[in-house]
Amino acid sequence: MANTPTENLLSDVNKFLAETGMGVSYFGKVASGNSELVKRLESGGRVWPETAEKIRAFMSEYRRTKKAESAA
């Protein structure tokens, strides 16, 4: 059975958190303005597609910025 969009997002978020060591509350606050974001996703809550896009954009930009910093 295919994963739901929420499960896919949560999986991506968990990978990002493992990579960066960022705390879940801090991540939620900076990525979406909601410090309870990860807790909500873990409990099966959904987010609007626009919010998911914002979260993915944050993770992508954060990775890009960190990669550029480490290359400098």
PDB file of N, CA and C in Angstrom:
ATOM      1  N   MET A   1       0.844  -1.190   0.000  1.00  0.00           N
ATOM      2  CA  MET A   1       0.000   0.000   0.000  1.00  0.00           C
ATOM      3  C   MET A   1       0.884   1.247   0.000  1.00  0.00           C
ATOM      4  N   ALA A   2       0.517   2.214  -0.782  1.00  0.00           N
ATOM      5  CA  ALA A   2       1.302   3.451  -0.900  1.00  0.00           C
ATOM      6  C   ALA A   2       1.153   4.304   0.357  1.00  0.00           C
ATOM      7  N   ASN A   3       2.205   5.028   0.647  1.00  0.00           N
ATOM      8  CA  ASN A   3       2.158   5.952   1.775  1.00  0.00           C
ATOM      9  C   ASN A   3       1.273   7.139   1.444  1.00  0.00           C
ATOM     10  N   THR A   4       0.690   7.722   2.476  1.00  0.00           N
ATOM     11  CA  THR A   4      -0.104   8.933   2.302  1.00  0.00           C
ATOM     12  C   THR A   4       0.839  10.125   2.172  1.00  0.00           C
ATOM     13  N   PRO A   5       0.348  11.254   1.666  1.00  0.00           N
ATOM     14  CA  PRO A   5       1.196  12.457   1.613  1.00  0.00           C
ATOM     15  C   PRO A   5       1.741  12.840   2.990  1.00  0.00           C
ATOM     16  N   THR A   6       0.932  12.655   4.034  1.00  0.00           N
ATOM     17  CA  THR A   6       1.390  12.975   5.388  1.00  0.00           C
ATOM     18  C   THR A   6       2.530  12.055   5.800  1.00  0.00           C
ATOM     19  N   GLU A   7       2.400  10.766   5.519  1.00  0.00           N
ATOM     20  CA  GLU A   7       3.467   9.817   5.858  1.00  0.00           C
ATOM     21  C   GLU A   7       4.742  10.124   5.086  1.00  0.00           C
ATOM     22  N   ASN A   8       4.597  10.483   3.820  1.00  0.00           N
ATOM     23  CA  ASN A   8       5.768  10.850   3.019  1.00  0.00           C
ATOM     24  C   ASN A   8       6.452  12.088   3.582  1.00  0.00           C
ATOM     25  N   LEU A   9       5.661  13.092   3.941  1.00  0.00           N
ATOM     26  CA  LEU A   9       6.223  14.317   4.507  1.00  0.00           C
ATOM     27  C   LEU A   9       6.910  14.017   5.830  1.00  0.00           C
ATOM     28  N   LEU A  10       6.267  13.251   6.688  1.00  0.00           N
ATOM     29  CA  LEU A  10       6.855  12.912   7.986  1.00  0.00           C
ATOM     30  C   LEU A  10       8.166  12.153   7.803  1.00  0.00           C
ATOM     31  N   SER A  11       8.207  11.246   6.854  1.00  0.00           N
ATOM     32  CA  SER A  11       9.442  10.512   6.573  1.00  0.00           C
ATOM     33  C   SER A  11      10.553  11.466   6.145  1.00  0.00           C
ATOM     34  N   ASP A  12      10.227  12.398   5.261  1.00  0.00           N
ATOM     35  CA  ASP A  12      11.214  13.385   4.806  1.00  0.00           C
ATOM     36  C   ASP A  12      11.679  14.273   5.954  1.00  0.00           C
ATOM     37  N   VAL A  13      10.748  14.678   6.800  1.00  0.00           N
ATOM     38  CA  VAL A  13      11.086  15.521   7.953  1.00  0.00           C
ATOM     39  C   VAL A  13      12.002  14.752   8.902  1.00  0.00           C
ATOM     40  N   ASN A  14      11.671  13.504   9.182  1.00  0.00           N
ATOM     41  CA  ASN A  14      12.504  12.708  10.092  1.00  0.00           C
ATOM     42  C   ASN A  14      13.913  12.509   9.547  1.00  0.00           C
ATOM     43  N   LYS A  15      14.035  12.298   8.241  1.00  0.00           N
ATOM     44  CA  LYS A  15      15.365  12.190   7.625  1.00  0.00           C
ATOM     45  C   LYS A  15      16.132  13.498   7.790  1.00  0.00           C
ATOM     46  N   PHE A  16      15.449  14.612   7.553  1.00  0.00           N
ATOM     47  CA  PHE A  16      16.070  15.927   7.685  1.00  0.00           C
ATOM     48  C   PHE A  16      16.539  16.150   9.122  1.00  0.00           C
ATOM     49  N   LEU A  17      15.691  15.824  10.087  1.00  0.00           N
ATOM     50  CA  LEU A  17      16.054  16.015  11.494  1.00  0.00           C
ATOM     51  C   LEU A  17      17.248  15.145  11.874  1.00  0.00           C
ATOM     52  N   ALA A  18      17.294  13.920  11.371  1.00  0.00           N
ATOM     53  CA  ALA A  18      18.435  13.035  11.647  1.00  0.00           C
ATOM     54  C   ALA A  18      19.715  13.592  11.028  1.00  0.00           C
ATOM     55  N   GLU A  19      19.611  14.140   9.828  1.00  0.00           N
ATOM     56  CA  GLU A  19      20.775  14.726   9.137  1.00  0.00           C
ATOM     57  C   GLU A  19      21.328  15.934   9.872  1.00  0.00           C
ATOM     58  N   THR A  20      20.425  16.783  10.330  1.00  0.00           N
ATOM     59  CA  THR A  20      20.831  18.086  10.854  1.00  0.00           C
ATOM     60  C   THR A  20      20.971  18.136  12.367  1.00  0.00           C
ATOM     61  N   GLY A  21      20.314  17.236  13.070  1.00  0.00           N
ATOM     62  CA  GLY A  21      20.315  17.295  14.527  1.00  0.00           C
ATOM     63  C   GLY A  21      19.417  18.389  15.074  1.00  0.00           C
ATOM     64  N   MET A  22      18.610  18.977  14.216  1.00  0.00           N
ATOM     65  CA  MET A  22      17.712  20.054  14.622  1.00  0.00           C
ATOM     66  C   MET A  22      16.600  19.480  15.504  1.00  0.00           C
ATOM     67  N   GLY A  23      16.205  20.222  16.521  1.00  0.00           N
ATOM     68  CA  GLY A  23      15.122  19.793  17.395  1.00  0.00           C
ATOM     69  C   GLY A  23      13.769  19.884  16.710  1.00  0.00           C
ATOM     70  N   VAL A  24      12.849  19.017  17.117  1.00  0.00           N
ATOM     71  CA  VAL A  24      11.551  18.965  16.447  1.00  0.00           C
ATOM     72  C   VAL A  24      10.743  20.243  16.615  1.00  0.00           C
ATOM     73  N   SER A  25      10.743  20.819  17.804  1.00  0.00           N
ATOM     74  CA  SER A  25       9.973  22.049  18.022  1.00  0.00           C
ATOM     75  C   SER A  25      10.560  23.208  17.237  1.00  0.00           C
ATOM     76  N   TYR A  26      11.883  23.325  17.267  1.00  0.00           N
ATOM     77  CA  TYR A  26      12.541  24.396  16.512  1.00  0.00           C
ATOM     78  C   TYR A  26      12.270  24.231  15.022  1.00  0.00           C
ATOM     79  N   PHE A  27      12.391  23.006  14.529  1.00  0.00           N
ATOM     80  CA  PHE A  27      12.122  22.754  13.117  1.00  0.00           C
ATOM     81  C   PHE A  27      10.712  23.204  12.750  1.00  0.00           C
ATOM     82  N   GLY A  28       9.740  22.778  13.521  1.00  0.00           N
ATOM     83  CA  GLY A  28       8.357  23.147  13.223  1.00  0.00           C
ATOM     84  C   GLY A  28       8.160  24.645  13.194  1.00  0.00           C
ATOM     85  N   LYS A  29       8.776  25.318  14.151  1.00  0.00           N
ATOM     86  CA  LYS A  29       8.637  26.776  14.235  1.00  0.00           C
ATOM     87  C   LYS A  29       9.252  27.470  13.026  1.00  0.00           C
ATOM     88  N   VAL A  30      10.468  27.098  12.649  1.00  0.00           N
ATOM     89  CA  VAL A  30      11.121  27.799  11.538  1.00  0.00           C
ATOM     90  C   VAL A  30      10.600  27.350  10.175  1.00  0.00           C
ATOM     91  N   ALA A  31      10.152  26.104  10.066  1.00  0.00           N
ATOM     92  CA  ALA A  31       9.693  25.598   8.768  1.00  0.00           C
ATOM     93  C   ALA A  31       8.252  25.975   8.458  1.00  0.00           C
ATOM     94  N   SER A  32       7.430  26.100   9.513  1.00  0.00           N
ATOM     95  CA  SER A  32       6.007  26.332   9.258  1.00  0.00           C
ATOM     96  C   SER A  32       5.353  27.346  10.186  1.00  0.00           C
ATOM     97  N   GLY A  33       6.106  27.793  11.195  1.00  0.00           N
ATOM     98  CA  GLY A  33       5.511  28.704  12.165  1.00  0.00           C
ATOM     99  C   GLY A  33       4.733  27.978  13.251  1.00  0.00           C
ATOM    100  N   ASN A  34       4.851  26.643  13.316  1.00  0.00           N
ATOM    101  CA  ASN A  34       4.101  25.845  14.284  1.00  0.00           C
ATOM    102  C   ASN A  34       5.049  24.871  14.973  1.00  0.00           C
ATOM    103  N   SER A  35       5.367  25.146  16.224  1.00  0.00           N
ATOM    104  CA  SER A  35       6.315  24.296  16.946  1.00  0.00           C
ATOM    105  C   SER A  35       5.769  22.888  17.192  1.00  0.00           C
ATOM    106  N   GLU A  36       4.479  22.686  17.019  1.00  0.00           N
ATOM    107  CA  GLU A  36       3.861  21.371  17.222  1.00  0.00           C
ATOM    108  C   GLU A  36       3.725  20.578  15.920  1.00  0.00           C
ATOM    109  N   LEU A  37       4.321  21.063  14.841  1.00  0.00           N
ATOM    110  CA  LEU A  37       4.168  20.443  13.524  1.00  0.00           C
ATOM    111  C   LEU A  37       4.496  18.953  13.522  1.00  0.00           C
ATOM    112  N   VAL A  38       5.667  18.574  13.997  1.00  0.00           N
ATOM    113  CA  VAL A  38       6.097  17.174  13.927  1.00  0.00           C
ATOM    114  C   VAL A  38       5.176  16.306  14.773  1.00  0.00           C
ATOM    115  N   LYS A  39       4.830  16.780  15.947  1.00  0.00           N
ATOM    116  CA  LYS A  39       3.914  16.046  16.818  1.00  0.00           C
ATOM    117  C   LYS A  39       2.576  15.816  16.105  1.00  0.00           C
ATOM    118  N   ARG A  40       2.110  16.839  15.421  1.00  0.00           N
ATOM    119  CA  ARG A  40       0.842  16.748  14.686  1.00  0.00           C
ATOM    120  C   ARG A  40       0.936  15.709  13.567  1.00  0.00           C
ATOM    121  N   LEU A  41       2.030  15.736  12.810  1.00  0.00           N
ATOM    122  CA  LEU A  41       2.214  14.760  11.735  1.00  0.00           C
ATOM    123  C   LEU A  41       2.311  13.343  12.298  1.00  0.00           C
ATOM    124  N   GLU A  42       3.020  13.190  13.404  1.00  0.00           N
ATOM    125  CA  GLU A  42       3.182  11.868  14.021  1.00  0.00           C
ATOM    126  C   GLU A  42       1.855  11.295  14.502  1.00  0.00           C
ATOM    127  N   SER A  43       0.933  12.177  14.888  1.00  0.00           N
ATOM    128  CA  SER A  43      -0.373  11.709  15.365  1.00  0.00           C
ATOM    129  C   SER A  43      -1.378  11.545  14.223  1.00  0.00           C
ATOM    130  N   GLY A  44      -0.895  11.674  12.982  1.00  0.00           N
ATOM    131  CA  GLY A  44      -1.766  11.460  11.832  1.00  0.00           C
ATOM    132  C   GLY A  44      -2.416  12.712  11.287  1.00  0.00           C
ATOM    133  N   GLY A  45      -2.080  13.855  11.876  1.00  0.00           N
ATOM    134  CA  GLY A  45      -2.642  15.111  11.387  1.00  0.00           C
ATOM    135  C   GLY A  45      -2.121  15.449  10.006  1.00  0.00           C
ATOM    136  N   ARG A  46      -2.908  16.204   9.281  1.00  0.00           N
ATOM    137  CA  ARG A  46      -2.521  16.597   7.925  1.00  0.00           C
ATOM    138  C   ARG A  46      -2.178  18.078   7.892  1.00  0.00           C
ATOM    139  N   VAL A  47      -1.502  18.470   6.837  1.00  0.00           N
ATOM    140  CA  VAL A  47      -1.225  19.887   6.599  1.00  0.00           C
ATOM    141  C   VAL A  47      -1.713  20.226   5.195  1.00  0.00           C
ATOM    142  N   TRP A  48      -1.985  21.481   4.985  1.00  0.00           N
ATOM    143  CA  TRP A  48      -2.382  21.944   3.662  1.00  0.00           C
ATOM    144  C   TRP A  48      -1.235  21.708   2.688  1.00  0.00           C
ATOM    145  N   PRO A  49      -1.555  21.463   1.420  1.00  0.00           N
ATOM    146  CA  PRO A  49      -0.489  21.278   0.422  1.00  0.00           C
ATOM    147  C   PRO A  49       0.480  22.456   0.379  1.00  0.00           C
ATOM    148  N   GLU A  50      -0.031  23.657   0.562  1.00  0.00           N
ATOM    149  CA  GLU A  50       0.832  24.841   0.562  1.00  0.00           C
ATOM    150  C   GLU A  50       1.803  24.813   1.735  1.00  0.00           C
ATOM    151  N   THR A  51       1.345  24.307   2.866  1.00  0.00           N
ATOM    152  CA  THR A  51       2.209  24.198   4.042  1.00  0.00           C
ATOM    153  C   THR A  51       3.274  23.130   3.813  1.00  0.00           C
ATOM    154  N   ALA A  52       2.883  22.009   3.242  1.00  0.00           N
ATOM    155  CA  ALA A  52       3.852  20.947   2.937  1.00  0.00           C
ATOM    156  C   ALA A  52       4.912  21.473   1.977  1.00  0.00           C
ATOM    157  N   GLU A  53       4.484  22.258   1.004  1.00  0.00           N
ATOM    158  CA  GLU A  53       5.421  22.851   0.041  1.00  0.00           C
ATOM    159  C   GLU A  53       6.400  23.793   0.750  1.00  0.00           C
ATOM    160  N   LYS A  54       5.881  24.576   1.682  1.00  0.00           N
ATOM    161  CA  LYS A  54       6.715  25.509   2.455  1.00  0.00           C
ATOM    162  C   LYS A  54       7.751  24.738   3.289  1.00  0.00           C
ATOM    163  N   ILE A  55       7.325  23.639   3.894  1.00  0.00           N
ATOM    164  CA  ILE A  55       8.216  22.816   4.714  1.00  0.00           C
ATOM    165  C   ILE A  55       9.319  22.204   3.848  1.00  0.00           C
ATOM    166  N   ARG A  56       8.941  21.661   2.709  1.00  0.00           N
ATOM    167  CA  ARG A  56       9.929  21.066   1.798  1.00  0.00           C
ATOM    168  C   ARG A  56      10.898  22.126   1.267  1.00  0.00           C
ATOM    169  N   ALA A  57      10.382  23.315   0.983  1.00  0.00           N
ATOM    170  CA  ALA A  57      11.243  24.405   0.509  1.00  0.00           C
ATOM    171  C   ALA A  57      12.244  24.793   1.594  1.00  0.00           C
ATOM    172  N   PHE A  58      11.794  24.845   2.846  1.00  0.00           N
ATOM    173  CA  PHE A  58      12.700  25.160   3.950  1.00  0.00           C
ATOM    174  C   PHE A  58      13.821  24.129   4.031  1.00  0.00           C
ATOM    175  N   MET A  59      13.454  22.838   3.985  1.00  0.00           N
ATOM    176  CA  MET A  59      14.470  21.786   4.090  1.00  0.00           C
ATOM    177  C   MET A  59      15.464  21.873   2.934  1.00  0.00           C
ATOM    178  N   SER A  60      14.969  22.102   1.752  1.00  0.00           N
ATOM    179  CA  SER A  60      15.831  22.207   0.574  1.00  0.00           C
ATOM    180  C   SER A  60      16.787  23.391   0.684  1.00  0.00           C
ATOM    181  N   GLU A  61      16.268  24.533   1.072  1.00  0.00           N
ATOM    182  CA  GLU A  61      17.095  25.735   1.203  1.00  0.00           C
ATOM    183  C   GLU A  61      18.121  25.565   2.321  1.00  0.00           C
ATOM    184  N   TYR A  62      17.717  24.963   3.428  1.00  0.00           N
ATOM    185  CA  TYR A  62      18.630  24.733   4.547  1.00  0.00           C
ATOM    186  C   TYR A  62      19.791  23.845   4.104  1.00  0.00           C
ATOM    187  N   ARG A  63      19.466  22.767   3.409  1.00  0.00           N
ATOM    188  CA  ARG A  63      20.517  21.867   2.918  1.00  0.00           C
ATOM    189  C   ARG A  63      21.438  22.584   1.940  1.00  0.00           C
ATOM    190  N   ARG A  64      20.853  23.353   1.034  1.00  0.00           N
ATOM    191  CA  ARG A  64      21.647  24.078   0.041  1.00  0.00           C
ATOM    192  C   ARG A  64      22.585  25.063   0.728  1.00  0.00           C
ATOM    193  N   THR A  65      22.078  25.788   1.709  1.00  0.00           N
ATOM    194  CA  THR A  65      22.875  26.767   2.442  1.00  0.00           C
ATOM    195  C   THR A  65      24.009  26.089   3.205  1.00  0.00           C
ATOM    196  N   LYS A  66      23.700  24.989   3.884  1.00  0.00           N
ATOM    197  CA  LYS A  66      24.730  24.272   4.646  1.00  0.00           C
ATOM    198  C   LYS A  66      25.796  23.690   3.723  1.00  0.00           C
ATOM    199  N   LYS A  67      25.370  23.194   2.568  1.00  0.00           N
ATOM    200  CA  LYS A  67      26.324  22.638   1.603  1.00  0.00           C
ATOM    201  C   LYS A  67      27.254  23.731   1.090  1.00  0.00           C
ATOM    202  N   ALA A  68      26.698  24.905   0.809  1.00  0.00           N
ATOM    203  CA  ALA A  68      27.505  26.032   0.329  1.00  0.00           C
ATOM    204  C   ALA A  68      28.482  26.491   1.409  1.00  0.00           C
ATOM    205  N   GLU A  69      28.027  26.511   2.667  1.00  0.00           N
ATOM    206  CA  GLU A  69      28.893  26.925   3.773  1.00  0.00           C
ATOM    207  C   GLU A  69      30.049  25.948   3.952  1.00  0.00           C
ATOM    208  N   SER A  70      29.769  24.658   3.820  1.00  0.00           N
ATOM    209  CA  SER A  70      30.835  23.672   4.024  1.00  0.00           C
ATOM    210  C   SER A  70      31.823  23.651   2.857  1.00  0.00           C
ATOM    211  N   ALA A  71      31.387  24.102   1.694  1.00  0.00           N
ATOM    212  CA  ALA A  71      32.275  24.155   0.526  1.00  0.00           C
ATOM    213  C   ALA A  71      33.176  25.384   0.560  1.00  0.00           C
ATOM    214  N   ALA A  72      32.764  26.397   1.322  1.00  0.00           N
ATOM    215  CA  ALA A  72      33.530  27.656   1.365  1.00  0.00           C
ATOM    216  C   ALA A  72      34.756  27.547   2.242  1.00  0.00           C
TER     217      ALA A  72
END
